[in-house]
Amino acid sequence: MQMDKLAAPLVLARGPAMKNRFMLAPLTNTQSHPDGRLSDEEFRWLTMRAEGGFGSP
């Protein structure tokens, strides 16, 4: 994939198009609780990513 395409919208078969092609894989930061509940640290980390524009619709 060319680098200029990373910032291009990604149209999906279902649901809204994503603003760009920057996405996070699930289970990448291992900050949740052992039972899978969201921790405060993980919430802050994900919020920072969302505010930065990762895969936003």
PDB file of N, CA and C in Angstrom:
ATOM      1  N   MET A   1       0.847  -1.182   0.000  1.00  0.00           N
ATOM      2  CA  MET A   1       0.000   0.000   0.000  1.00  0.00           C
ATOM      3  C   MET A   1       0.886   1.237   0.000  1.00  0.00           C
ATOM      4  N   GLN A   2       0.520   2.190  -0.797  1.00  0.00           N
ATOM      5  CA  GLN A   2       1.260   3.433  -0.850  1.00  0.00           C
ATOM      6  C   GLN A   2       0.977   4.253   0.394  1.00  0.00           C
ATOM      7  N   MET A   3       1.982   4.986   0.849  1.00  0.00           N
ATOM      8  CA  MET A   3       1.832   5.772   2.076  1.00  0.00           C
ATOM      9  C   MET A   3       0.729   6.825   1.972  1.00  0.00           C
ATOM     10  N   ASP A   4       0.516   7.407   0.794  1.00  0.00           N
ATOM     11  CA  ASP A   4      -0.513   8.432   0.675  1.00  0.00           C
ATOM     12  C   ASP A   4      -1.921   7.869   0.867  1.00  0.00           C
ATOM     13  N   LYS A   5      -2.088   6.570   0.701  1.00  0.00           N
ATOM     14  CA  LYS A   5      -3.402   5.958   0.882  1.00  0.00           C
ATOM     15  C   LYS A   5      -3.758   5.753   2.352  1.00  0.00           C
ATOM     16  N   LEU A   6      -2.783   5.832   3.242  1.00  0.00           N
ATOM     17  CA  LEU A   6      -3.065   5.626   4.661  1.00  0.00           C
ATOM     18  C   LEU A   6      -4.016   6.686   5.217  1.00  0.00           C
ATOM     19  N   ALA A   7      -3.942   7.891   4.702  1.00  0.00           N
ATOM     20  CA  ALA A   7      -4.794   8.963   5.190  1.00  0.00           C
ATOM     21  C   ALA A   7      -6.109   9.041   4.420  1.00  0.00           C
ATOM     22  N   ALA A   8      -6.287   8.190   3.403  1.00  0.00           N
ATOM     23  CA  ALA A   8      -7.513   8.201   2.607  1.00  0.00           C
ATOM     24  C   ALA A   8      -8.626   7.477   3.357  1.00  0.00           C
ATOM     25  N   PRO A   9      -9.868   7.886   3.158  1.00  0.00           N
ATOM     26  CA  PRO A   9     -10.994   7.196   3.793  1.00  0.00           C
ATOM     27  C   PRO A   9     -11.050   5.721   3.377  1.00  0.00           C
ATOM     28  N   LEU A  10     -11.579   4.901   4.254  1.00  0.00           N
ATOM     29  CA  LEU A  10     -11.747   3.478   3.984  1.00  0.00           C
ATOM     30  C   LEU A  10     -13.244   3.190   3.985  1.00  0.00           C
ATOM     31  N   VAL A  11     -13.769   2.850   2.821  1.00  0.00           N
ATOM     32  CA  VAL A  11     -15.194   2.566   2.687  1.00  0.00           C
ATOM     33  C   VAL A  11     -15.416   1.082   2.998  1.00  0.00           C
ATOM     34  N   LEU A  12     -16.329   0.794   3.912  1.00  0.00           N
ATOM     35  CA  LEU A  12     -16.623  -0.568   4.328  1.00  0.00           C
ATOM     36  C   LEU A  12     -17.927  -1.046   3.690  1.00  0.00           C
ATOM     37  N   ALA A  13     -18.086  -2.341   3.577  1.00  0.00           N
ATOM     38  CA  ALA A  13     -19.315  -2.897   2.997  1.00  0.00           C
ATOM     39  C   ALA A  13     -20.526  -2.569   3.867  1.00  0.00           C
ATOM     40  N   ARG A  14     -20.328  -2.520   5.176  1.00  0.00           N
ATOM     41  CA  ARG A  14     -21.415  -2.204   6.116  1.00  0.00           C
ATOM     42  C   ARG A  14     -20.924  -1.142   7.095  1.00  0.00           C
ATOM     43  N   GLY A  15     -21.785  -0.234   7.411  1.00  0.00           N
ATOM     44  CA  GLY A  15     -21.438   0.804   8.374  1.00  0.00           C
ATOM     45  C   GLY A  15     -20.806   2.008   7.714  1.00  0.00           C
ATOM     46  N   PRO A  16     -20.471   3.018   8.527  1.00  0.00           N
ATOM     47  CA  PRO A  16     -19.914   4.250   7.976  1.00  0.00           C
ATOM     48  C   PRO A  16     -18.482   4.053   7.496  1.00  0.00           C
ATOM     49  N   ALA A  17     -18.060   4.893   6.571  1.00  0.00           N
ATOM     50  CA  ALA A  17     -16.663   4.884   6.115  1.00  0.00           C
ATOM     51  C   ALA A  17     -15.786   5.372   7.256  1.00  0.00           C
ATOM     52  N   MET A  18     -14.572   4.882   7.298  1.00  0.00           N
ATOM     53  CA  MET A  18     -13.619   5.345   8.307  1.00  0.00           C
ATOM     54  C   MET A  18     -12.851   6.530   7.735  1.00  0.00           C
ATOM     55  N   LYS A  19     -12.549   7.495   8.590  1.00  0.00           N
ATOM     56  CA  LYS A  19     -11.885   8.733   8.185  1.00  0.00           C
ATOM     57  C   LYS A  19     -10.509   8.455   7.563  1.00  0.00           C
ATOM     58  N   ASN A  20      -9.828   7.451   8.066  1.00  0.00           N
ATOM     59  CA  ASN A  20      -8.502   7.102   7.563  1.00  0.00           C
ATOM     60  C   ASN A  20      -8.270   5.614   7.776  1.00  0.00           C
ATOM     61  N   ARG A  21      -7.089   5.133   7.448  1.00  0.00           N
ATOM     62  CA  ARG A  21      -6.797   3.701   7.547  1.00  0.00           C
ATOM     63  C   ARG A  21      -5.910   3.362   8.746  1.00  0.00           C
ATOM     64  N   PHE A  22      -5.805   4.264   9.685  1.00  0.00           N
ATOM     65  CA  PHE A  22      -5.044   4.020  10.907  1.00  0.00           C
ATOM     66  C   PHE A  22      -5.959   3.330  11.905  1.00  0.00           C
ATOM     67  N   MET A  23      -5.646   2.090  12.244  1.00  0.00           N
ATOM     68  CA  MET A  23      -6.482   1.319  13.157  1.00  0.00           C
ATOM     69  C   MET A  23      -5.598   0.595  14.169  1.00  0.00           C
ATOM     70  N   LEU A  24      -6.203   0.195  15.252  1.00  0.00           N
ATOM     71  CA  LEU A  24      -5.497  -0.555  16.284  1.00  0.00           C
ATOM     72  C   LEU A  24      -5.998  -1.986  16.306  1.00  0.00           C
ATOM     73  N   ALA A  25      -5.073  -2.911  16.395  1.00  0.00           N
ATOM     74  CA  ALA A  25      -5.455  -4.313  16.525  1.00  0.00           C
ATOM     75  C   ALA A  25      -5.980  -4.553  17.939  1.00  0.00           C
ATOM     76  N   PRO A  26      -6.968  -5.445  18.107  1.00  0.00           N
ATOM     77  CA  PRO A  26      -7.452  -5.735  19.451  1.00  0.00           C
ATOM     78  C   PRO A  26      -6.353  -6.388  20.294  1.00  0.00           C
ATOM     79  N   LEU A  27      -6.440  -6.159  21.562  1.00  0.00           N
ATOM     80  CA  LEU A  27      -5.504  -6.770  22.539  1.00  0.00           C
ATOM     81  C   LEU A  27      -4.054  -6.359  22.312  1.00  0.00           C
ATOM     82  N   THR A  28      -3.819  -5.105  21.935  1.00  0.00           N
ATOM     83  CA  THR A  28      -2.447  -4.685  21.668  1.00  0.00           C
ATOM     84  C   THR A  28      -1.736  -4.091  22.865  1.00  0.00           C
ATOM     85  N   ASN A  29      -2.472  -3.618  23.862  1.00  0.00           N
ATOM     86  CA  ASN A  29      -1.780  -2.931  24.951  1.00  0.00           C
ATOM     87  C   ASN A  29      -1.869  -3.645  26.291  1.00  0.00           C
ATOM     88  N   THR A  30      -2.624  -4.692  26.404  1.00  0.00           N
ATOM     89  CA  THR A  30      -2.750  -5.547  27.606  1.00  0.00           C
ATOM     90  C   THR A  30      -2.894  -4.762  28.906  1.00  0.00           C
ATOM     91  N   GLN A  31      -3.721  -3.732  28.903  1.00  0.00           N
ATOM     92  CA  GLN A  31      -3.937  -2.930  30.106  1.00  0.00           C
ATOM     93  C   GLN A  31      -5.267  -3.226  30.778  1.00  0.00           C
ATOM     94  N   SER A  32      -6.058  -4.128  30.212  1.00  0.00           N
ATOM     95  CA  SER A  32      -7.349  -4.431  30.825  1.00  0.00           C
ATOM     96  C   SER A  32      -7.159  -5.352  32.026  1.00  0.00           C
ATOM     97  N   HIS A  33      -8.196  -5.488  32.800  1.00  0.00           N
ATOM     98  CA  HIS A  33      -8.163  -6.374  33.958  1.00  0.00           C
ATOM     99  C   HIS A  33      -8.143  -7.836  33.485  1.00  0.00           C
ATOM    100  N   PRO A  34      -7.679  -8.764  34.315  1.00  0.00           N
ATOM    101  CA  PRO A  34      -7.618 -10.182  33.919  1.00  0.00           C
ATOM    102  C   PRO A  34      -8.961 -10.748  33.438  1.00  0.00           C
ATOM    103  N   ASP A  35     -10.076 -10.208  33.950  1.00  0.00           N
ATOM    104  CA  ASP A  35     -11.381 -10.711  33.518  1.00  0.00           C
ATOM    105  C   ASP A  35     -11.890 -10.008  32.253  1.00  0.00           C
ATOM    106  N   GLY A  36     -11.068  -9.122  31.681  1.00  0.00           N
ATOM    107  CA  GLY A  36     -11.424  -8.451  30.436  1.00  0.00           C
ATOM    108  C   GLY A  36     -12.047  -7.078  30.584  1.00  0.00           C
ATOM    109  N   ARG A  37     -12.353  -6.683  31.837  1.00  0.00           N
ATOM    110  CA  ARG A  37     -12.932  -5.351  32.032  1.00  0.00           C
ATOM    111  C   ARG A  37     -11.906  -4.272  31.703  1.00  0.00           C
ATOM    112  N   LEU A  38     -12.388  -3.148  31.213  1.00  0.00           N
ATOM    113  CA  LEU A  38     -11.557  -2.015  30.848  1.00  0.00           C
ATOM    114  C   LEU A  38     -10.971  -1.372  32.100  1.00  0.00           C
ATOM    115  N   SER A  39      -9.662  -1.158  32.130  1.00  0.00           N
ATOM    116  CA  SER A  39      -9.035  -0.468  33.260  1.00  0.00           C
ATOM    117  C   SER A  39      -9.014   1.033  32.987  1.00  0.00           C
ATOM    118  N   ASP A  40      -8.791   1.822  34.018  1.00  0.00           N
ATOM    119  CA  ASP A  40      -8.685   3.272  33.846  1.00  0.00           C
ATOM    120  C   ASP A  40      -7.533   3.620  32.911  1.00  0.00           C
ATOM    121  N   GLU A  41      -6.412   2.915  33.044  1.00  0.00           N
ATOM    122  CA  GLU A  41      -5.251   3.170  32.193  1.00  0.00           C
ATOM    123  C   GLU A  41      -5.571   2.887  30.727  1.00  0.00           C
ATOM    124  N   GLU A  42      -6.272   1.782  30.485  1.00  0.00           N
ATOM    125  CA  GLU A  42      -6.629   1.436  29.115  1.00  0.00           C
ATOM    126  C   GLU A  42      -7.619   2.440  28.547  1.00  0.00           C
ATOM    127  N   PHE A  43      -8.578   2.885  29.355  1.00  0.00           N
ATOM    128  CA  PHE A  43      -9.534   3.887  28.902  1.00  0.00           C
ATOM    129  C   PHE A  43      -8.805   5.157  28.477  1.00  0.00           C
ATOM    130  N   ARG A  44      -7.852   5.611  29.296  1.00  0.00           N
ATOM    131  CA  ARG A  44      -7.079   6.810  28.951  1.00  0.00           C
ATOM    132  C   ARG A  44      -6.290   6.599  27.665  1.00  0.00           C
ATOM    133  N   TRP A  45      -5.670   5.426  27.516  1.00  0.00           N
ATOM    134  CA  TRP A  45      -4.862   5.112  26.336  1.00  0.00           C
ATOM    135  C   TRP A  45      -5.736   5.118  25.085  1.00  0.00           C
ATOM    136  N   LEU A  46      -6.893   4.455  25.137  1.00  0.00           N
ATOM    137  CA  LEU A  46      -7.795   4.400  23.994  1.00  0.00           C
ATOM    138  C   LEU A  46      -8.373   5.779  23.676  1.00  0.00           C
ATOM    139  N   THR A  47      -8.660   6.572  24.703  1.00  0.00           N
ATOM    140  CA  THR A  47      -9.175   7.920  24.496  1.00  0.00           C
ATOM    141  C   THR A  47      -8.148   8.779  23.769  1.00  0.00           C
ATOM    142  N   MET A  48      -6.885   8.673  24.160  1.00  0.00           N
ATOM    143  CA  MET A  48      -5.835   9.430  23.475  1.00  0.00           C
ATOM    144  C   MET A  48      -5.748   9.031  22.006  1.00  0.00           C
ATOM    145  N   ARG A  49      -5.869   7.751  21.713  1.00  0.00           N
ATOM    146  CA  ARG A  49      -5.823   7.298  20.314  1.00  0.00           C
ATOM    147  C   ARG A  49      -7.018   7.850  19.543  1.00  0.00           C
ATOM    148  N   ALA A  50      -8.204   7.777  20.138  1.00  0.00           N
ATOM    149  CA  ALA A  50      -9.402   8.253  19.462  1.00  0.00           C
ATOM    150  C   ALA A  50      -9.322   9.753  19.184  1.00  0.00           C
ATOM    151  N   GLU A  51      -8.818  10.509  20.142  1.00  0.00           N
ATOM    152  CA  GLU A  51      -8.682  11.960  19.949  1.00  0.00           C
ATOM    153  C   GLU A  51      -7.651  12.270  18.867  1.00  0.00           C
ATOM    154  N   GLY A  52      -6.700  11.367  18.660  1.00  0.00           N
ATOM    155  CA  GLY A  52      -5.687  11.556  17.627  1.00  0.00           C
ATOM    156  C   GLY A  52      -6.163  11.177  16.239  1.00  0.00           C
ATOM    157  N   GLY A  53      -7.332  10.566  16.126  1.00  0.00           N
ATOM    158  CA  GLY A  53      -7.922  10.286  14.830  1.00  0.00           C
ATOM    159  C   GLY A  53      -7.727   8.890  14.285  1.00  0.00           C
ATOM    160  N   PHE A  54      -7.378   7.920  15.100  1.00  0.00           N
ATOM    161  CA  PHE A  54      -7.222   6.554  14.622  1.00  0.00           C
ATOM    162  C   PHE A  54      -8.552   5.986  14.167  1.00  0.00           C
ATOM    163  N   GLY A  55      -8.666   5.735  12.881  1.00  0.00           N
ATOM    164  CA  GLY A  55      -9.833   5.062  12.319  1.00  0.00           C
ATOM    165  C   GLY A  55     -11.179   5.666  12.667  1.00  0.00           C
ATOM    166  N   SER A  56     -11.229   6.947  12.886  1.00  0.00           N
ATOM    167  CA  SER A  56     -12.489   7.598  13.266  1.00  0.00           C
ATOM    168  C   SER A  56     -13.459   7.646  12.097  1.00  0.00           C
ATOM    169  N   PRO A  57     -14.761   7.396  12.353  1.00  0.00           N
ATOM    170  CA  PRO A  57     -15.741   7.538  11.266  1.00  0.00           C
ATOM    171  C   PRO A  57     -15.958   8.989  10.919  1.00  0.00           C
TER     172      PRO A  57
END
